[in-house]
């Protein structure tokens, strides 16, 4: 069951109090109207008050009482014509009951409309949501078509590059001779460079793990829905730091490490790296 919010509960309580106060005031006014009508009937037999402004009876109750008397008088005349002396009794009964009917309290709201509280809903559950137009395109053919063309372009580039650049296999490895320096492929040179600086547990597990976890948490840290680079400064800065840091380690391991993994200057000691 949905919990009723506190502000709606207070509002309903205030409305109930106002309705009870209005009901009590209507009953008091109805009683005053009945007494005034009884005094007028006993003293002058239909004599109206001197002025409505000086009377304590509200105007709408006076109008209702007059309408009830007019209806009762019309009905009494018909009865007098049909049955003779019974008309006076009917008129008196109708006149006596009219103020009582007028005094019955009626709970009404603004403008005379009766209002009822059907249910209380949770705040915000009923909203007029208007969809804002967005620039959207379908995955096919717009996205997949572009990706297919990009794949064909990469394949063509690799084909042409392989025609002009020779990539022979090295000679068979000699188990009795270890090359110096022995370098990993270029995509592992960053990790090999970390191994020359830190303990294997730190260089092989801790630091790469921190980098991967940081990249995984980046979309949850930066929740900006914009796709503009100037609005995604945090995400772009984080990825740039990661990419440039790893690129620097690869470049150092490729061109600035010589025999024994010692730091060298390639323009002075030569290049110890093969594509």
C-alpha atoms as a PDB file:
ATOM      1  CA  UNK A   1       0.000   0.000   0.000  1.00  0.00           C
ATOM      2  CA  UNK A   2       1.334   3.423  -0.958  1.00  0.00           C
ATOM      3  CA  UNK A   3       2.231   5.653   1.974  1.00  0.00           C
ATOM      4  CA  UNK A   4       0.344   8.962   2.020  1.00  0.00           C
ATOM      5  CA  UNK A   5       2.744  11.949   2.031  1.00  0.00           C
ATOM      6  CA  UNK A   6       2.746  14.100   5.146  1.00  0.00           C
ATOM      7  CA  UNK A   7       1.777  17.352   3.374  1.00  0.00           C
ATOM      8  CA  UNK A   8      -1.295  15.724   1.781  1.00  0.00           C
ATOM      9  CA  UNK A   9      -2.349  14.281   5.135  1.00  0.00           C
ATOM     10  CA  UNK A  10      -2.118  17.734   6.733  1.00  0.00           C
ATOM     11  CA  UNK A  11      -4.074  19.265   3.859  1.00  0.00           C
ATOM     12  CA  UNK A  12      -6.861  16.691   4.225  1.00  0.00           C
ATOM     13  CA  UNK A  13      -6.996  17.272   7.991  1.00  0.00           C
ATOM     14  CA  UNK A  14      -7.366  21.032   7.483  1.00  0.00           C
ATOM     15  CA  UNK A  15     -10.108  20.474   4.918  1.00  0.00           C
ATOM     16  CA  UNK A  16     -12.016  18.245   7.364  1.00  0.00           C
ATOM     17  CA  UNK A  17     -11.736  20.879  10.096  1.00  0.00           C
ATOM     18  CA  UNK A  18     -13.006  23.614   7.759  1.00  0.00           C
ATOM     19  CA  UNK A  19     -15.926  21.443   6.686  1.00  0.00           C
ATOM     20  CA  UNK A  20     -16.843  20.708  10.309  1.00  0.00           C
ATOM     21  CA  UNK A  21     -16.669  24.400  11.202  1.00  0.00           C
ATOM     22  CA  UNK A  22     -18.811  25.336   8.199  1.00  0.00           C
ATOM     23  CA  UNK A  23     -21.318  22.618   9.091  1.00  0.00           C
ATOM     24  CA  UNK A  24     -21.586  23.895  12.658  1.00  0.00           C
ATOM     25  CA  UNK A  25     -22.017  27.501  11.445  1.00  0.00           C
ATOM     26  CA  UNK A  26     -24.715  26.434   8.967  1.00  0.00           C
ATOM     27  CA  UNK A  27     -26.625  24.627  11.708  1.00  0.00           C
ATOM     28  CA  UNK A  28     -26.499  27.702  13.951  1.00  0.00           C
ATOM     29  CA  UNK A  29     -27.696  29.968  11.162  1.00  0.00           C
ATOM     30  CA  UNK A  30     -30.486  27.547  10.300  1.00  0.00           C
ATOM     31  CA  UNK A  31     -31.642  27.505  13.903  1.00  0.00           C
ATOM     32  CA  UNK A  32     -31.654  31.316  13.973  1.00  0.00           C
ATOM     33  CA  UNK A  33     -33.653  31.391  10.746  1.00  0.00           C
ATOM     34  CA  UNK A  34     -36.204  28.974  12.171  1.00  0.00           C
ATOM     35  CA  UNK A  35     -36.620  31.065  15.319  1.00  0.00           C
ATOM     36  CA  UNK A  36     -36.983  34.262  13.278  1.00  0.00           C
ATOM     37  CA  UNK A  37     -39.585  32.684  11.032  1.00  0.00           C
ATOM     38  CA  UNK A  38     -41.522  31.382  14.064  1.00  0.00           C
ATOM     39  CA  UNK A  39     -41.523  34.798  15.729  1.00  0.00           C
ATOM     40  CA  UNK A  40     -42.706  36.465  12.540  1.00  0.00           C
ATOM     41  CA  UNK A  41     -45.564  33.962  12.127  1.00  0.00           C
ATOM     42  CA  UNK A  42     -46.702  34.359  15.744  1.00  0.00           C
ATOM     43  CA  UNK A  43     -46.538  38.184  15.813  1.00  0.00           C
ATOM     44  CA  UNK A  44     -47.813  39.401  12.430  1.00  0.00           C
ATOM     45  CA  UNK A  45     -48.698  36.387  10.279  1.00  0.00           C
ATOM     46  CA  UNK A  46     -46.247  36.917   7.354  1.00  0.00           C
ATOM     47  CA  UNK A  47     -44.775  40.289   8.282  1.00  0.00           C
ATOM     48  CA  UNK A  48     -41.286  40.636   6.766  1.00  0.00           C
ATOM     49  CA  UNK A  49     -38.317  42.055   8.702  1.00  0.00           C
ATOM     50  CA  UNK A  50     -37.782  45.787   8.477  1.00  0.00           C
ATOM     51  CA  UNK A  51     -34.458  45.435   6.651  1.00  0.00           C
ATOM     52  CA  UNK A  52     -32.364  42.462   5.562  1.00  0.00           C
ATOM     53  CA  UNK A  53     -29.191  44.292   6.508  1.00  0.00           C
ATOM     54  CA  UNK A  54     -30.321  44.579  10.137  1.00  0.00           C
ATOM     55  CA  UNK A  55     -31.250  40.867  10.303  1.00  0.00           C
ATOM     56  CA  UNK A  56     -28.777  38.193  11.306  1.00  0.00           C
ATOM     57  CA  UNK A  57     -30.284  35.662   8.902  1.00  0.00           C
ATOM     58  CA  UNK A  58     -28.162  35.258   5.740  1.00  0.00           C
ATOM     59  CA  UNK A  59     -29.689  36.338   2.458  1.00  0.00           C
ATOM     60  CA  UNK A  60     -29.605  32.870   0.860  1.00  0.00           C
ATOM     61  CA  UNK A  61     -31.517  31.393   3.807  1.00  0.00           C
ATOM     62  CA  UNK A  62     -34.137  34.125   3.525  1.00  0.00           C
ATOM     63  CA  UNK A  63     -34.533  33.438  -0.181  1.00  0.00           C
ATOM     64  CA  UNK A  64     -34.848  29.718   0.461  1.00  0.00           C
ATOM     65  CA  UNK A  65     -37.437  30.322   3.184  1.00  0.00           C
ATOM     66  CA  UNK A  66     -39.487  32.619   0.939  1.00  0.00           C
ATOM     67  CA  UNK A  67     -39.425  30.087  -1.887  1.00  0.00           C
ATOM     68  CA  UNK A  68     -40.551  27.339   0.468  1.00  0.00           C
ATOM     69  CA  UNK A  69     -43.402  29.549   1.785  1.00  0.00           C
ATOM     70  CA  UNK A  70     -44.484  30.379  -1.765  1.00  0.00           C
ATOM     71  CA  UNK A  71     -44.589  26.695  -2.691  1.00  0.00           C
ATOM     72  CA  UNK A  72     -46.441  25.841   0.482  1.00  0.00           C
ATOM     73  CA  UNK A  73     -48.967  28.656  -0.082  1.00  0.00           C
ATOM     74  CA  UNK A  74     -49.627  27.541  -3.652  1.00  0.00           C
ATOM     75  CA  UNK A  75     -50.121  23.964  -2.564  1.00  0.00           C
ATOM     76  CA  UNK A  76     -52.426  25.052   0.313  1.00  0.00           C
ATOM     77  CA  UNK A  77     -54.669  27.047  -2.096  1.00  0.00           C
ATOM     78  CA  UNK A  78     -55.194  23.998  -4.259  1.00  0.00           C
ATOM     79  CA  UNK A  79     -56.088  21.918  -1.239  1.00  0.00           C
ATOM     80  CA  UNK A  80     -58.512  24.624   0.034  1.00  0.00           C
ATOM     81  CA  UNK A  81     -60.394  24.634  -3.268  1.00  0.00           C
ATOM     82  CA  UNK A  82     -60.750  20.879  -3.203  1.00  0.00           C
ATOM     83  CA  UNK A  83     -61.523  20.185   0.450  1.00  0.00           C
ATOM     84  CA  UNK A  84     -62.762  23.408   1.996  1.00  0.00           C
ATOM     85  CA  UNK A  85     -61.376  24.033   5.485  1.00  0.00           C
ATOM     86  CA  UNK A  86     -58.377  21.758   5.207  1.00  0.00           C
ATOM     87  CA  UNK A  87     -56.246  24.363   3.420  1.00  0.00           C
ATOM     88  CA  UNK A  88     -55.264  26.294   6.541  1.00  0.00           C
ATOM     89  CA  UNK A  89     -53.911  23.230   8.239  1.00  0.00           C
ATOM     90  CA  UNK A  90     -51.855  22.218   5.190  1.00  0.00           C
ATOM     91  CA  UNK A  91     -50.450  25.723   4.866  1.00  0.00           C
ATOM     92  CA  UNK A  92     -49.492  25.831   8.501  1.00  0.00           C
ATOM     93  CA  UNK A  93     -47.768  22.455   8.301  1.00  0.00           C
ATOM     94  CA  UNK A  94     -45.870  23.421   5.140  1.00  0.00           C
ATOM     95  CA  UNK A  95     -44.886  26.778   6.650  1.00  0.00           C
ATOM     96  CA  UNK A  96     -43.646  25.143   9.788  1.00  0.00           C
ATOM     97  CA  UNK A  97     -41.580  22.555   7.950  1.00  0.00           C
ATOM     98  CA  UNK A  98     -40.064  24.994   5.452  1.00  0.00           C
ATOM     99  CA  UNK A  99     -37.637  26.643   7.915  1.00  0.00           C
ATOM    100  CA  UNK A 100     -36.606  23.249   9.190  1.00  0.00           C
ATOM    101  CA  UNK A 101     -35.802  22.135   5.637  1.00  0.00           C
ATOM    102  CA  UNK A 102     -33.968  25.395   5.023  1.00  0.00           C
ATOM    103  CA  UNK A 103     -31.945  24.899   8.182  1.00  0.00           C
ATOM    104  CA  UNK A 104     -30.575  21.513   7.045  1.00  0.00           C
ATOM    105  CA  UNK A 105     -26.790  21.921   6.661  1.00  0.00           C
ATOM    106  CA  UNK A 106     -25.374  21.288   3.218  1.00  0.00           C
ATOM    107  CA  UNK A 107     -21.586  20.839   2.887  1.00  0.00           C
ATOM    108  CA  UNK A 108     -20.606  22.752  -0.222  1.00  0.00           C
ATOM    109  CA  UNK A 109     -17.332  23.937  -1.615  1.00  0.00           C
ATOM    110  CA  UNK A 110     -16.354  27.077  -3.512  1.00  0.00           C
ATOM    111  CA  UNK A 111     -19.030  28.143  -5.958  1.00  0.00           C
ATOM    112  CA  UNK A 112     -21.631  25.918  -4.347  1.00  0.00           C
ATOM    113  CA  UNK A 113     -20.130  22.691  -5.702  1.00  0.00           C
ATOM    114  CA  UNK A 114     -19.963  19.648  -3.464  1.00  0.00           C
ATOM    115  CA  UNK A 115     -16.446  18.266  -3.259  1.00  0.00           C
ATOM    116  CA  UNK A 116     -15.428  14.761  -2.251  1.00  0.00           C
ATOM    117  CA  UNK A 117     -11.969  13.363  -1.654  1.00  0.00           C
ATOM    118  CA  UNK A 118     -11.848  10.097  -3.565  1.00  0.00           C
ATOM    119  CA  UNK A 119      -8.230   9.097  -2.996  1.00  0.00           C
ATOM    120  CA  UNK A 120      -4.803  10.465  -2.201  1.00  0.00           C
ATOM    121  CA  UNK A 121      -2.062   9.631  -4.671  1.00  0.00           C
ATOM    122  CA  UNK A 122       1.650   9.851  -4.185  1.00  0.00           C
ATOM    123  CA  UNK A 123       3.180  13.154  -5.186  1.00  0.00           C
ATOM    124  CA  UNK A 124       4.544  13.063  -8.704  1.00  0.00           C
ATOM    125  CA  UNK A 125       2.825   9.843  -9.781  1.00  0.00           C
ATOM    126  CA  UNK A 126       0.439  11.662 -12.109  1.00  0.00           C
ATOM    127  CA  UNK A 127       2.252  14.048 -14.406  1.00  0.00           C
ATOM    128  CA  UNK A 128       1.643  15.527 -17.790  1.00  0.00           C
ATOM    129  CA  UNK A 129       4.851  14.484 -19.490  1.00  0.00           C
ATOM    130  CA  UNK A 130       5.458  15.928 -22.918  1.00  0.00           C
ATOM    131  CA  UNK A 131       8.119  14.209 -24.961  1.00  0.00           C
ATOM    132  CA  UNK A 132      10.729  16.592 -26.261  1.00  0.00           C
ATOM    133  CA  UNK A 133      11.817  15.972 -29.862  1.00  0.00           C
ATOM    134  CA  UNK A 134      15.275  14.496 -30.185  1.00  0.00           C
ATOM    135  CA  UNK A 135      17.554  13.941 -33.137  1.00  0.00           C
ATOM    136  CA  UNK A 136      17.610  10.159 -33.506  1.00  0.00           C
ATOM    137  CA  UNK A 137      18.612   7.886 -36.339  1.00  0.00           C
ATOM    138  CA  UNK A 138      18.210   4.150 -36.844  1.00  0.00           C
ATOM    139  CA  UNK A 139      21.113   1.763 -36.319  1.00  0.00           C
ATOM    140  CA  UNK A 140      20.537   0.314 -39.772  1.00  0.00           C
ATOM    141  CA  UNK A 141      21.521   1.670 -42.228  1.00  0.00           C
ATOM    142  CA  UNK A 142      22.979   4.829 -40.692  1.00  0.00           C
ATOM    143  CA  UNK A 143      25.385   3.400 -38.072  1.00  0.00           C
ATOM    144  CA  UNK A 144      26.117  -0.043 -39.508  1.00  0.00           C
ATOM    145  CA  UNK A 145      26.675   1.399 -42.976  1.00  0.00           C
ATOM    146  CA  UNK A 146      29.360   3.772 -41.652  1.00  0.00           C
ATOM    147  CA  UNK A 147      31.029   1.017 -39.632  1.00  0.00           C
ATOM    148  CA  UNK A 148      31.099  -1.305 -42.654  1.00  0.00           C
ATOM    149  CA  UNK A 149      32.730   1.374 -44.814  1.00  0.00           C
ATOM    150  CA  UNK A 150      35.290   2.049 -42.047  1.00  0.00           C
ATOM    151  CA  UNK A 151      36.135  -1.687 -41.864  1.00  0.00           C
ATOM    152  CA  UNK A 152      36.650  -1.795 -45.644  1.00  0.00           C
ATOM    153  CA  UNK A 153      38.935   1.268 -45.457  1.00  0.00           C
ATOM    154  CA  UNK A 154      41.074  -0.335 -42.711  1.00  0.00           C
ATOM    155  CA  UNK A 155      41.330  -3.573 -44.686  1.00  0.00           C
ATOM    156  CA  UNK A 156      42.421  -1.676 -47.810  1.00  0.00           C
ATOM    157  CA  UNK A 157      45.058   0.250 -45.828  1.00  0.00           C
ATOM    158  CA  UNK A 158      46.534  -2.927 -44.335  1.00  0.00           C
ATOM    159  CA  UNK A 159      46.601  -4.586 -47.759  1.00  0.00           C
ATOM    160  CA  UNK A 160      48.452  -1.686 -49.394  1.00  0.00           C
ATOM    161  CA  UNK A 161      50.804  -1.328 -46.398  1.00  0.00           C
ATOM    162  CA  UNK A 162      51.727  -5.017 -46.545  1.00  0.00           C
ATOM    163  CA  UNK A 163      52.680  -4.674 -50.221  1.00  0.00           C
ATOM    164  CA  UNK A 164      55.281  -1.955 -49.578  1.00  0.00           C
ATOM    165  CA  UNK A 165      56.547  -2.989 -46.125  1.00  0.00           C
ATOM    166  CA  UNK A 166      58.165  -6.376 -45.709  1.00  0.00           C
ATOM    167  CA  UNK A 167      57.539  -8.201 -42.436  1.00  0.00           C
ATOM    168  CA  UNK A 168      59.714 -11.320 -42.471  1.00  0.00           C
ATOM    169  CA  UNK A 169      59.810 -13.814 -39.648  1.00  0.00           C
ATOM    170  CA  UNK A 170      62.938 -13.887 -37.545  1.00  0.00           C
ATOM    171  CA  UNK A 171      65.316 -16.832 -37.529  1.00  0.00           C
ATOM    172  CA  UNK A 172      64.641 -19.823 -35.340  1.00  0.00           C
ATOM    173  CA  UNK A 173      65.246 -19.208 -31.680  1.00  0.00           C
ATOM    174  CA  UNK A 174      68.434 -20.576 -30.150  1.00  0.00           C
ATOM    175  CA  UNK A 175      67.842 -22.038 -26.711  1.00  0.00           C
ATOM    176  CA  UNK A 176      71.501 -21.588 -25.848  1.00  0.00           C
ATOM    177  CA  UNK A 177      71.560 -17.861 -26.605  1.00  0.00           C
ATOM    178  CA  UNK A 178      69.218 -15.274 -25.107  1.00  0.00           C
ATOM    179  CA  UNK A 179      69.025 -12.040 -27.097  1.00  0.00           C
ATOM    180  CA  UNK A 180      70.049  -8.925 -25.268  1.00  0.00           C
ATOM    181  CA  UNK A 181      67.877  -6.956 -24.949  1.00  0.00           C
ATOM    182  CA  UNK A 182      64.894  -9.303 -25.039  1.00  0.00           C
ATOM    183  CA  UNK A 183      61.831  -7.159 -25.589  1.00  0.00           C
ATOM    184  CA  UNK A 184      58.158  -8.064 -25.648  1.00  0.00           C
ATOM    185  CA  UNK A 185      55.853  -7.071 -28.537  1.00  0.00           C
ATOM    186  CA  UNK A 186      55.059  -3.374 -28.665  1.00  0.00           C
ATOM    187  CA  UNK A 187      51.638  -3.806 -27.058  1.00  0.00           C
ATOM    188  CA  UNK A 188      53.298  -5.397 -23.984  1.00  0.00           C
ATOM    189  CA  UNK A 189      56.247  -3.007 -23.767  1.00  0.00           C
ATOM    190  CA  UNK A 190      54.341  -0.718 -21.367  1.00  0.00           C
ATOM    191  CA  UNK A 191      53.880  -3.606 -18.945  1.00  0.00           C
ATOM    192  CA  UNK A 192      57.529  -4.646 -19.384  1.00  0.00           C
ATOM    193  CA  UNK A 193      58.586  -1.081 -18.634  1.00  0.00           C
ATOM    194  CA  UNK A 194      56.585  -1.166 -15.396  1.00  0.00           C
ATOM    195  CA  UNK A 195      58.392  -4.401 -14.438  1.00  0.00           C
ATOM    196  CA  UNK A 196      61.709  -2.553 -14.604  1.00  0.00           C
ATOM    197  CA  UNK A 197      60.439  -0.002 -12.050  1.00  0.00           C
ATOM    198  CA  UNK A 198      58.224  -1.917  -9.566  1.00  0.00           C
ATOM    199  CA  UNK A 199      57.760  -5.302  -7.985  1.00  0.00           C
ATOM    200  CA  UNK A 200      56.037  -7.822 -10.300  1.00  0.00           C
ATOM    201  CA  UNK A 201      52.931  -7.888  -8.085  1.00  0.00           C
ATOM    202  CA  UNK A 202      52.618  -4.100  -8.265  1.00  0.00           C
ATOM    203  CA  UNK A 203      53.577  -3.763 -11.943  1.00  0.00           C
ATOM    204  CA  UNK A 204      51.583  -6.731 -13.247  1.00  0.00           C
ATOM    205  CA  UNK A 205      48.454  -6.727 -11.054  1.00  0.00           C
ATOM    206  CA  UNK A 206      47.969  -3.628  -8.897  1.00  0.00           C
ATOM    207  CA  UNK A 207      48.660  -0.765 -11.311  1.00  0.00           C
ATOM    208  CA  UNK A 208      46.896  -2.285 -14.376  1.00  0.00           C
ATOM    209  CA  UNK A 209      43.972  -3.271 -12.150  1.00  0.00           C
ATOM    210  CA  UNK A 210      43.619   0.288 -10.833  1.00  0.00           C
ATOM    211  CA  UNK A 211      43.650   1.624 -14.392  1.00  0.00           C
ATOM    212  CA  UNK A 212      40.987  -0.824 -15.599  1.00  0.00           C
ATOM    213  CA  UNK A 213      38.737  -0.202 -12.584  1.00  0.00           C
ATOM    214  CA  UNK A 214      39.061   3.554 -13.124  1.00  0.00           C
ATOM    215  CA  UNK A 215      37.965   3.202 -16.747  1.00  0.00           C
ATOM    216  CA  UNK A 216      35.054   0.958 -15.738  1.00  0.00           C
ATOM    217  CA  UNK A 217      33.825   3.480 -13.160  1.00  0.00           C
ATOM    218  CA  UNK A 218      34.241   6.485 -15.468  1.00  0.00           C
ATOM    219  CA  UNK A 219      30.712   6.298 -16.998  1.00  0.00           C
ATOM    220  CA  UNK A 220      29.178   6.118 -13.505  1.00  0.00           C
ATOM    221  CA  UNK A 221      31.285   9.016 -12.208  1.00  0.00           C
ATOM    222  CA  UNK A 222      30.591  11.372 -15.108  1.00  0.00           C
ATOM    223  CA  UNK A 223      26.808  11.182 -15.742  1.00  0.00           C
ATOM    224  CA  UNK A 224      26.650  14.127 -18.132  1.00  0.00           C
ATOM    225  CA  UNK A 225      24.350  13.027 -21.014  1.00  0.00           C
ATOM    226  CA  UNK A 226      25.848  15.516 -23.468  1.00  0.00           C
ATOM    227  CA  UNK A 227      27.923  14.210 -26.373  1.00  0.00           C
ATOM    228  CA  UNK A 228      29.836  17.466 -26.860  1.00  0.00           C
ATOM    229  CA  UNK A 229      33.544  17.343 -25.950  1.00  0.00           C
ATOM    230  CA  UNK A 230      33.407  20.686 -24.122  1.00  0.00           C
ATOM    231  CA  UNK A 231      30.752  19.252 -21.771  1.00  0.00           C
ATOM    232  CA  UNK A 232      32.639  15.994 -21.030  1.00  0.00           C
ATOM    233  CA  UNK A 233      35.890  17.406 -19.680  1.00  0.00           C
ATOM    234  CA  UNK A 234      36.224  14.896 -16.826  1.00  0.00           C
ATOM    235  CA  UNK A 235      35.750  11.787 -18.979  1.00  0.00           C
ATOM    236  CA  UNK A 236      38.016  13.068 -21.753  1.00  0.00           C
ATOM    237  CA  UNK A 237      40.727  14.088 -19.264  1.00  0.00           C
ATOM    238  CA  UNK A 238      40.625  10.697 -17.535  1.00  0.00           C
ATOM    239  CA  UNK A 239      40.953   8.730 -20.764  1.00  0.00           C
ATOM    240  CA  UNK A 240      43.650  11.092 -22.086  1.00  0.00           C
ATOM    241  CA  UNK A 241      45.754  10.609 -18.951  1.00  0.00           C
ATOM    242  CA  UNK A 242      45.428   6.831 -19.216  1.00  0.00           C
ATOM    243  CA  UNK A 243      46.202   6.734 -22.941  1.00  0.00           C
ATOM    244  CA  UNK A 244      49.149   9.137 -22.806  1.00  0.00           C
ATOM    245  CA  UNK A 245      50.654   7.429 -19.768  1.00  0.00           C
ATOM    246  CA  UNK A 246      50.579   4.039 -21.460  1.00  0.00           C
ATOM    247  CA  UNK A 247      51.921   5.514 -24.731  1.00  0.00           C
ATOM    248  CA  UNK A 248      54.882   7.082 -22.889  1.00  0.00           C
ATOM    249  CA  UNK A 249      55.733   3.724 -21.287  1.00  0.00           C
ATOM    250  CA  UNK A 250      55.609   1.988 -24.692  1.00  0.00           C
ATOM    251  CA  UNK A 251      57.845   4.616 -26.297  1.00  0.00           C
ATOM    252  CA  UNK A 252      60.408   4.395 -23.486  1.00  0.00           C
ATOM    253  CA  UNK A 253      60.462   0.590 -23.678  1.00  0.00           C
ATOM    254  CA  UNK A 254      60.806   0.673 -27.454  1.00  0.00           C
ATOM    255  CA  UNK A 255      63.426   3.339 -28.107  1.00  0.00           C
ATOM    256  CA  UNK A 256      65.103   4.172 -24.793  1.00  0.00           C
ATOM    257  CA  UNK A 257      65.988   0.689 -23.502  1.00  0.00           C
ATOM    258  CA  UNK A 258      69.163  -1.047 -24.604  1.00  0.00           C
ATOM    259  CA  UNK A 259      71.163  -4.115 -23.546  1.00  0.00           C
ATOM    260  CA  UNK A 260      70.285  -5.222 -20.037  1.00  0.00           C
ATOM    261  CA  UNK A 261      67.187  -3.019 -20.183  1.00  0.00           C
ATOM    262  CA  UNK A 262      69.374  -0.035 -19.386  1.00  0.00           C
ATOM    263  CA  UNK A 263      68.215   3.475 -20.234  1.00  0.00           C
ATOM    264  CA  UNK A 264      69.887   4.801 -23.404  1.00  0.00           C
ATOM    265  CA  UNK A 265      69.549   7.609 -25.933  1.00  0.00           C
ATOM    266  CA  UNK A 266      68.675   6.177 -29.363  1.00  0.00           C
ATOM    267  CA  UNK A 267      70.443   8.986 -31.278  1.00  0.00           C
ATOM    268  CA  UNK A 268      73.664   8.162 -29.384  1.00  0.00           C
ATOM    269  CA  UNK A 269      73.719   4.375 -28.721  1.00  0.00           C
ATOM    270  CA  UNK A 270      71.532   3.183 -31.578  1.00  0.00           C
ATOM    271  CA  UNK A 271      68.082   1.641 -31.877  1.00  0.00           C
ATOM    272  CA  UNK A 272      67.374  -1.700 -30.178  1.00  0.00           C
ATOM    273  CA  UNK A 273      63.897  -2.236 -31.507  1.00  0.00           C
ATOM    274  CA  UNK A 274      62.490  -4.120 -34.485  1.00  0.00           C
ATOM    275  CA  UNK A 275      59.113  -3.486 -36.038  1.00  0.00           C
END
